[in-house]
Amino acid sequence: MPFLTPGDPAPWFQARSAGNPRYEFNTVAGRAIVLCFFGSARQPGVLDVLKLFRARTDLFNDDRAAFFGVGCDPTDEAEKRVNEQIPGYRQFWDFDFKISNAFGACAAPGENTNGSLRYAPVSYVLDRQLRVIAAVPLGISDEASIRAHVDRVAKIVDSISQSAAGGLSQPGAPVLLVPRILEPELCRELIDYYNTQGGYDSGYMTSDAQGRTVGVIDYGRKRRRDCNIEDETLRGKIRARIIRRLIPEVFKAYQFRVTQSERYIVACYDTGEGGYFRAHRDNTTRGTAHRRFAVTMNLNAEEYEGGNLRFPEFDDRSYRAPTGGAVVFSCSLMHEALPVTSGKRYCVLPFLYDEAAAKQRNRIAEEDAAKNSEKANAKVD
């Protein structure tokens, strides 16, 4: 297939990197990205190109931008020709050419006289939403062309990683902020409930090697404590206010008819634990694919510092609902809860979805239950 062109969304993929056996590419959004499909480091000039990119630590530092090489030659890994340099510079392995093919870096077998796969090296520059800014073919015939390629890519990265020029429209992330969902008295009741019941370590959902949705605890990615609301009266109060005050606003803004709500918890981000949740999406596993909208309802917005929501695919601004108010956003958007720097942040965090998503959730649950039953029976036999 041909190269992707400016404006095209970059395909998401999972790949093995030098430091991660199942690197989810979608998680790198929020900064400029370079994907350099170099094929094989045995080709003349490739190592020189990679060396020059690696030297640009002013750009490729994971704040302004990140660089990912994509290699298809197993001997590059075996002989350690290509190495990572964290932060900013990483390596994907694409020995089956699936990623290269998705990005148009390889053509069909047989186009060469020996019937082998023809590879077309290219460096893609992607914006913070992982959409193509430029595709720069990797023509490296001599030292001048090597440096010209790196300089051209670096110039593009530099231009898109700077602040936007004054006067340009910057609408921000497509989020909905709705005040006055929960009354102040109910907010305080929920905080008291948390402090009475206590919280437990809150992990996050991911996929294991078999594709199953599993919960994991990783303080490098998330630090939060949650309390399940078991009191049905208290759950009913929250449910009634979501139905009466929030769902009509969601329909008005997104033309989406919510019929289902998942999860009744009070969450606490505590500055004593450095409370935060790094950038993530809420619907990327089989067990969470039904989620449509995430809701953050703050219970004490005036009593802590930091802790705002940020959507790095769009810009660096942050969002905070007032006490009792809600921020609503698509579960597909990358978002993060910034560290709480003072005090404790309390919030209620439901997910919303509709009847079609409920059927999807039930179907996946039934399929997974059947698979687990088959495995159990096989062990017995």
Protein backbone atom coordinates (compact mmCIF):
# COMPACT_ATOMS: atom_id res chain seq x y z
CA MET A 1 0.00 0.00 0.00
CA PRO A 2 1.17 3.62 -0.52
CA PHE A 3 2.56 5.81 2.21
CA LEU A 4 0.10 7.48 4.55
CA THR A 5 -0.42 11.15 3.75
CA PRO A 6 -0.82 14.28 5.92
CA GLY A 7 -4.05 14.17 7.91
CA ASP A 8 -4.29 10.36 7.92
CA PRO A 9 -4.59 8.77 11.37
CA ALA A 10 -1.67 6.49 12.12
CA PRO A 11 -2.77 2.86 12.64
CA TRP A 12 -2.59 1.72 16.25
CA PHE A 13 -0.63 -1.45 16.90
CA GLN A 14 0.93 -3.59 19.60
CA ALA A 15 4.58 -4.48 19.13
CA ARG A 16 7.60 -5.78 20.94
CA SER A 17 10.12 -3.12 21.83
CA ALA A 18 13.56 -3.54 23.31
CA GLY A 19 12.13 -2.86 26.77
CA ASN A 20 8.49 -3.97 26.55
CA PRO A 21 7.16 -7.25 25.08
CA ARG A 22 3.71 -5.73 24.38
CA TYR A 23 4.11 -2.02 23.77
CA GLU A 24 0.76 -0.34 23.01
CA PHE A 25 1.53 2.35 20.44
CA ASN A 26 -1.61 4.38 21.23
CA THR A 27 -0.16 5.22 24.66
CA VAL A 28 2.51 7.50 23.15
CA ALA A 29 0.01 10.20 22.09
CA GLY A 30 0.35 13.66 23.58
CA ARG A 31 3.62 14.75 21.95
CA ALA A 32 5.20 14.81 18.50
CA ILE A 33 6.23 11.33 17.35
CA VAL A 34 8.72 10.13 14.76
CA LEU A 35 8.37 6.58 13.42
CA CYS A 36 11.45 5.73 11.38
CA PHE A 37 10.89 2.59 9.28
CA PHE A 38 14.52 1.82 8.47
CA GLY A 39 14.12 -1.89 7.67
CA SER A 40 17.61 -3.15 8.41
CA ALA A 41 20.57 -1.48 10.05
CA ARG A 42 22.79 -3.48 7.69
CA GLN A 43 21.75 -1.15 4.87
CA PRO A 44 24.35 1.55 4.13
CA GLY A 45 23.76 4.80 5.98
CA VAL A 46 21.01 3.54 8.33
CA LEU A 47 23.16 3.48 11.46
CA ASP A 48 24.37 7.00 10.65
CA VAL A 49 20.76 8.22 10.40
CA LEU A 50 19.83 6.59 13.71
CA LYS A 51 22.92 8.01 15.39
CA LEU A 52 22.03 11.55 14.30
CA PHE A 53 18.45 11.17 15.52
CA ARG A 54 19.69 9.79 18.83
CA ALA A 55 21.91 12.84 19.27
CA ARG A 56 18.90 15.21 19.13
CA THR A 57 18.11 14.96 22.83
CA ASP A 58 16.81 18.55 22.72
CA LEU A 59 13.85 17.23 20.72
CA PHE A 60 13.53 13.55 21.58
CA ASN A 61 13.18 13.67 25.36
CA ASP A 62 9.58 12.33 25.79
CA ASP A 63 8.34 15.82 26.66
CA ARG A 64 8.53 17.57 23.31
CA ALA A 65 8.80 14.45 21.15
CA ALA A 66 9.66 10.76 21.06
CA PHE A 67 11.49 8.75 18.41
CA PHE A 68 10.71 5.13 17.51
CA GLY A 69 12.79 3.13 15.12
CA VAL A 70 11.03 0.24 13.36
CA GLY A 71 13.33 -2.61 12.34
CA CYS A 72 12.54 -5.81 10.44
CA ASP A 73 15.93 -7.57 10.51
CA PRO A 74 16.28 -10.15 13.35
CA THR A 75 20.07 -9.88 13.18
CA ASP A 76 19.85 -6.21 14.25
CA GLU A 77 18.47 -7.39 17.58
CA ALA A 78 20.67 -10.48 17.86
CA GLU A 79 23.86 -8.53 17.19
CA LYS A 80 22.69 -5.44 19.14
CA ARG A 81 23.21 -3.04 16.26
CA VAL A 82 20.31 -0.86 17.47
CA ASN A 83 19.81 0.21 21.09
CA GLU A 84 17.29 2.29 23.03
CA GLN A 85 18.12 5.54 24.76
CA ILE A 86 15.56 6.44 27.42
CA PRO A 87 14.01 8.98 27.52
CA GLY A 88 13.03 9.78 23.99
CA TYR A 89 14.50 7.06 21.78
CA ARG A 90 13.03 3.53 21.47
CA GLN A 91 13.00 0.59 19.12
CA PHE A 92 10.13 -1.56 17.76
CA TRP A 93 10.73 -4.97 16.16
CA ASP A 94 8.57 -5.81 13.14
CA PHE A 95 9.91 -9.15 11.91
CA ASP A 96 6.60 -10.15 10.29
CA PHE A 97 6.30 -6.77 8.49
CA LYS A 98 2.75 -6.18 9.76
CA ILE A 99 3.47 -2.69 11.04
CA SER A 100 5.55 -1.74 8.02
CA ASN A 101 2.79 -2.92 5.71
CA ALA A 102 0.14 -0.94 7.62
CA PHE A 103 2.22 2.22 7.15
CA GLY A 104 3.05 1.57 3.48
CA ALA A 105 6.74 0.92 4.06
CA CYS A 106 6.76 -2.38 2.18
CA ALA A 107 5.25 -3.49 -1.11
CA ALA A 108 3.97 -6.87 -2.22
CA PRO A 109 6.39 -9.81 -2.63
CA GLY A 110 7.54 -10.38 -6.18
CA GLU A 111 8.18 -6.76 -7.16
CA ASN A 112 11.90 -7.45 -6.98
CA THR A 113 13.38 -9.85 -9.52
CA ASN A 114 14.24 -12.35 -6.79
CA GLY A 115 10.66 -12.39 -5.48
CA SER A 116 11.60 -10.85 -2.12
CA LEU A 117 9.71 -8.13 -0.26
CA ARG A 118 10.56 -4.62 -1.45
CA TYR A 119 11.06 -2.25 1.49
CA ALA A 120 10.63 1.51 1.23
CA PRO A 121 12.31 3.17 4.24
CA VAL A 122 10.49 6.25 5.51
CA SER A 123 10.28 8.50 8.55
CA TYR A 124 6.78 9.53 9.62
CA VAL A 125 6.19 12.61 11.73
CA LEU A 126 2.96 12.39 13.76
CA ASP A 127 1.19 15.04 15.81
CA ARG A 128 0.06 14.64 19.42
CA GLN A 129 -3.15 12.91 18.21
CA LEU A 130 -1.09 10.40 16.20
CA ARG A 131 -2.13 11.88 12.87
CA VAL A 132 0.35 12.16 10.02
CA ILE A 133 2.11 15.50 9.57
CA ALA A 134 4.64 14.28 7.01
CA ALA A 135 6.07 11.15 5.42
CA VAL A 136 9.75 11.69 4.56
CA PRO A 137 11.28 8.92 2.40
CA LEU A 138 14.60 7.70 3.71
CA GLY A 139 16.81 8.37 0.67
CA ILE A 140 20.36 8.03 2.01
CA SER A 141 22.89 7.84 -0.79
CA ASP A 142 25.69 9.83 0.87
CA GLU A 143 26.57 11.83 3.98
CA ALA A 144 24.78 14.94 2.71
CA SER A 145 21.50 13.07 2.10
CA ILE A 146 21.74 11.42 5.52
CA ARG A 147 22.07 14.75 7.28
CA ALA A 148 19.40 16.33 5.06
CA HIS A 149 16.90 13.66 6.05
CA VAL A 150 17.50 14.08 9.77
CA ASP A 151 17.47 17.88 9.52
CA ARG A 152 14.19 17.91 7.57
CA VAL A 153 12.45 15.61 10.06
CA ALA A 154 13.86 17.51 13.04
CA LYS A 155 12.68 20.82 11.59
CA ILE A 156 9.13 19.51 11.28
CA VAL A 157 9.20 18.10 14.82
CA ASP A 158 10.53 21.39 16.15
CA SER A 159 7.75 23.36 14.46
CA ILE A 160 4.88 21.23 15.76
CA SER A 161 6.24 20.87 19.29
CA GLN A 162 6.30 24.64 19.81
CA SER A 163 3.36 26.63 21.16
CA ALA A 164 0.75 27.63 18.59
CA ALA A 165 0.98 31.11 17.11
CA GLY A 166 -1.16 33.78 18.70
CA GLY A 167 -4.62 34.31 17.23
CA LEU A 168 -5.14 30.71 16.13
CA SER A 169 -8.24 28.94 17.39
CA GLN A 170 -7.46 26.40 20.10
CA PRO A 171 -10.73 24.73 21.17
CA GLY A 172 -9.14 22.20 23.51
CA ALA A 173 -10.30 18.66 24.21
CA PRO A 174 -13.93 17.70 23.40
CA VAL A 175 -15.02 17.46 27.02
CA LEU A 176 -18.27 18.46 28.72
CA LEU A 177 -18.18 20.27 32.07
CA VAL A 178 -21.48 20.25 33.99
CA PRO A 179 -21.73 21.99 37.40
CA ARG A 180 -24.17 21.19 40.20
CA ILE A 181 -24.71 17.46 39.76
CA LEU A 182 -24.20 16.59 43.45
CA GLU A 183 -25.21 18.98 46.25
CA PRO A 184 -22.50 20.08 48.71
CA GLU A 185 -24.17 18.08 51.49
CA LEU A 186 -24.08 14.89 49.40
CA CYS A 187 -20.44 15.53 48.50
CA ARG A 188 -19.57 15.74 52.20
CA GLU A 189 -21.60 12.62 52.92
CA LEU A 190 -19.61 10.70 50.31
CA ILE A 191 -16.29 11.93 51.70
CA ASP A 192 -17.35 10.89 55.21
CA TYR A 193 -18.36 7.48 53.85
CA TYR A 194 -14.89 7.02 52.35
CA ASN A 195 -13.14 8.08 55.55
CA THR A 196 -15.29 5.71 57.60
CA GLN A 197 -14.95 2.69 55.30
CA GLY A 198 -11.37 3.25 54.14
CA GLY A 199 -9.92 2.72 50.70
CA TYR A 200 -8.02 -0.03 48.91
CA ASP A 201 -5.20 0.14 46.39
CA SER A 202 -6.68 0.90 42.98
CA GLY A 203 -5.09 -0.73 39.96
CA TYR A 204 -5.98 -0.49 36.29
CA MET A 205 -7.16 -2.90 33.61
CA THR A 206 -4.86 -4.31 30.95
CA SER A 207 -4.64 -7.32 28.64
CA ASP A 208 -2.42 -10.29 29.38
CA ALA A 209 -0.63 -12.43 26.80
CA GLN A 210 -3.84 -14.46 26.20
CA GLY A 211 -5.93 -11.31 25.63
CA ARG A 212 -7.74 -11.59 28.95
CA THR A 213 -8.64 -8.42 30.85
CA VAL A 214 -6.78 -8.38 34.16
CA GLY A 215 -6.23 -5.84 36.91
CA VAL A 216 -2.69 -4.83 37.87
CA ILE A 217 -1.14 -2.58 40.51
CA ASP A 218 1.70 -0.40 39.25
CA TYR A 219 2.71 2.63 41.31
CA GLY A 220 4.75 3.91 38.37
CA ARG A 221 1.51 4.43 36.49
CA LYS A 222 -1.21 4.96 39.08
CA ARG A 223 -1.46 5.80 42.76
CA ARG A 224 -5.00 6.02 44.09
CA ARG A 225 -7.22 4.44 46.73
CA ASP A 226 -10.87 3.54 46.10
CA CYS A 227 -13.85 2.74 48.28
CA ASN A 228 -16.78 0.74 46.88
CA ILE A 229 -20.13 2.29 47.81
CA GLU A 230 -22.03 -0.66 49.23
CA ASP A 231 -24.77 1.44 50.86
CA GLU A 232 -27.72 1.12 48.48
CA THR A 233 -29.34 4.32 49.73
CA LEU A 234 -26.19 6.28 48.92
CA ARG A 235 -25.88 4.58 45.53
CA GLY A 236 -29.49 5.51 44.84
CA LYS A 237 -28.80 9.17 45.55
CA ILE A 238 -25.94 9.22 43.05
CA ARG A 239 -27.97 7.30 40.46
CA ALA A 240 -30.93 9.67 40.75
CA ARG A 241 -28.76 12.76 40.21
CA ILE A 242 -26.97 11.23 37.23
CA ILE A 243 -30.34 10.45 35.61
CA ARG A 244 -31.94 13.83 36.35
CA ARG A 245 -29.01 16.21 35.99
CA LEU A 246 -26.22 14.64 33.93
CA ILE A 247 -27.73 12.32 31.31
CA PRO A 248 -29.82 15.09 29.66
CA GLU A 249 -26.65 17.18 29.24
CA VAL A 250 -24.76 14.24 27.74
CA PHE A 251 -27.55 13.74 25.21
CA LYS A 252 -27.61 17.45 24.39
CA ALA A 253 -23.85 17.59 23.81
CA TYR A 254 -23.19 14.22 22.17
CA GLN A 255 -26.60 12.92 20.92
CA PHE A 256 -25.92 9.77 22.96
CA ARG A 257 -28.67 8.17 25.03
CA VAL A 258 -27.16 6.78 28.25
CA THR A 259 -29.05 3.87 29.82
CA GLN A 260 -26.36 2.15 31.87
CA SER A 261 -23.86 3.18 34.55
CA GLU A 262 -20.89 1.18 35.76
CA ARG A 263 -19.09 1.50 39.07
CA TYR A 264 -20.07 3.24 42.32
CA ILE A 265 -16.87 4.27 44.06
CA VAL A 266 -15.39 7.18 45.95
CA ALA A 267 -11.77 7.60 44.87
CA CYS A 268 -9.06 9.44 46.78
CA TYR A 269 -5.87 10.90 45.35
CA ASP A 270 -3.70 11.69 48.38
CA THR A 271 -0.70 14.00 48.16
CA GLY A 272 0.94 11.86 50.85
CA GLU A 273 1.10 9.05 48.27
CA GLY A 274 1.69 11.38 45.34
CA GLY A 275 -1.78 10.55 43.98
CA TYR A 276 -1.91 10.44 40.16
CA PHE A 277 -2.93 8.35 37.16
CA ARG A 278 -0.63 8.55 34.13
CA ALA A 279 -2.01 9.03 30.62
CA HIS A 280 -4.33 6.19 29.59
CA ARG A 281 -7.57 5.29 27.82
CA ASP A 282 -10.52 3.61 29.52
CA ASN A 283 -11.76 1.15 26.89
CA THR A 284 -8.79 -0.62 25.32
CA THR A 285 -9.34 -4.18 26.65
CA ARG A 286 -12.05 -6.77 25.92
CA GLY A 287 -13.46 -6.31 29.40
CA THR A 288 -13.68 -2.51 29.10
CA ALA A 289 -14.59 -2.11 25.42
CA HIS A 290 -18.24 -1.40 26.28
CA ARG A 291 -17.43 1.83 28.10
CA ARG A 292 -18.49 4.92 26.16
CA PHE A 293 -18.09 7.94 28.49
CA ALA A 294 -16.04 8.50 31.62
CA VAL A 295 -17.27 10.86 34.34
CA THR A 296 -15.25 12.64 37.01
CA MET A 297 -17.39 14.24 39.73
CA ASN A 298 -15.27 16.23 42.17
CA LEU A 299 -16.35 16.25 45.81
CA ASN A 300 -13.97 18.88 47.23
CA ALA A 301 -12.45 20.92 44.41
CA GLU A 302 -11.39 23.79 46.71
CA GLU A 303 -9.49 21.62 49.20
CA TYR A 304 -6.53 20.37 47.17
CA GLU A 305 -3.93 21.57 44.68
CA GLY A 306 -2.91 19.83 41.49
CA GLY A 307 -4.95 16.79 40.53
CA ASN A 308 -6.54 18.26 37.40
CA LEU A 309 -7.48 16.28 34.30
CA ARG A 310 -5.33 16.70 31.20
CA PHE A 311 -5.89 15.44 27.64
CA PRO A 312 -2.42 15.40 26.09
CA GLU A 313 -3.60 14.51 22.58
CA PHE A 314 -5.05 18.02 22.29
CA ASP A 315 -2.98 20.45 24.36
CA ASP A 316 -1.44 21.02 27.77
CA ARG A 317 -4.35 22.78 29.46
CA SER A 318 -6.02 21.05 32.39
CA TYR A 319 -9.63 20.74 33.57
CA ARG A 320 -11.27 20.71 36.97
CA ALA A 321 -14.97 20.48 37.74
CA PRO A 322 -16.18 22.54 40.72
CA THR A 323 -17.33 20.74 43.85
CA GLY A 324 -20.38 18.66 42.88
CA GLY A 325 -19.73 19.20 39.18
CA ALA A 326 -18.74 16.69 36.51
CA VAL A 327 -16.32 16.44 33.61
CA VAL A 328 -17.57 14.01 30.95
CA PHE A 329 -15.46 12.71 28.07
CA SER A 330 -15.18 9.81 25.64
CA CYS A 331 -13.41 6.75 27.04
CA SER A 332 -11.36 6.66 23.82
CA LEU A 333 -9.59 9.92 24.69
CA MET A 334 -6.18 9.68 26.29
CA HIS A 335 -6.31 11.45 29.64
CA GLU A 336 -4.40 11.68 32.89
CA ALA A 337 -5.03 12.76 36.47
CA LEU A 338 -2.14 15.06 37.31
CA PRO A 339 -0.41 14.56 40.67
CA VAL A 340 -2.09 16.05 43.73
CA THR A 341 0.47 18.40 45.24
CA SER A 342 -1.42 19.43 48.39
CA GLY A 343 -4.36 17.95 50.29
CA LYS A 344 -6.60 15.06 49.25
CA ARG A 345 -8.78 14.93 46.18
CA TYR A 346 -12.05 13.00 46.51
CA CYS A 347 -14.17 12.13 43.47
CA VAL A 348 -16.84 9.77 42.12
CA LEU A 349 -15.88 8.04 38.86
CA PRO A 350 -18.66 6.21 36.97
CA PHE A 351 -18.64 5.02 33.36
CA LEU A 352 -21.69 5.50 31.13
CA TYR A 353 -22.90 3.40 28.20
CA ASP A 354 -26.06 2.34 26.33
CA GLU A 355 -28.06 -0.80 25.54
CA ALA A 356 -25.89 -1.80 22.58
CA ALA A 357 -22.78 -1.57 24.75
CA ALA A 358 -24.51 -3.55 27.50
CA LYS A 359 -25.14 -6.37 25.03
CA GLN A 360 -21.51 -6.20 23.96
CA ARG A 361 -20.39 -6.42 27.60
CA ASN A 362 -22.63 -9.42 28.30
CA ARG A 363 -21.50 -11.23 25.15
CA ILE A 364 -17.82 -10.83 26.00
CA ALA A 365 -18.45 -11.94 29.58
CA GLU A 366 -20.23 -15.08 28.33
CA GLU A 367 -17.45 -15.86 25.85
CA ASP A 368 -14.78 -15.47 28.53
CA ALA A 369 -16.76 -17.62 30.98
CA ALA A 370 -17.08 -20.35 28.35
CA LYS A 371 -13.33 -20.25 27.65
CA ASN A 372 -12.53 -20.48 31.35
CA SER A 373 -14.91 -23.43 31.69
CA GLU A 374 -13.23 -25.23 28.78
CA LYS A 375 -9.81 -24.70 30.34
CA ALA A 376 -11.03 -26.00 33.71
CA ASN A 377 -12.52 -29.11 32.11
CA ALA A 378 -9.32 -29.72 30.15
CA LYS A 379 -7.31 -29.65 33.37
CA VAL A 380 -9.68 -32.15 34.98
CA ASP A 381 -9.39 -34.50 32.02
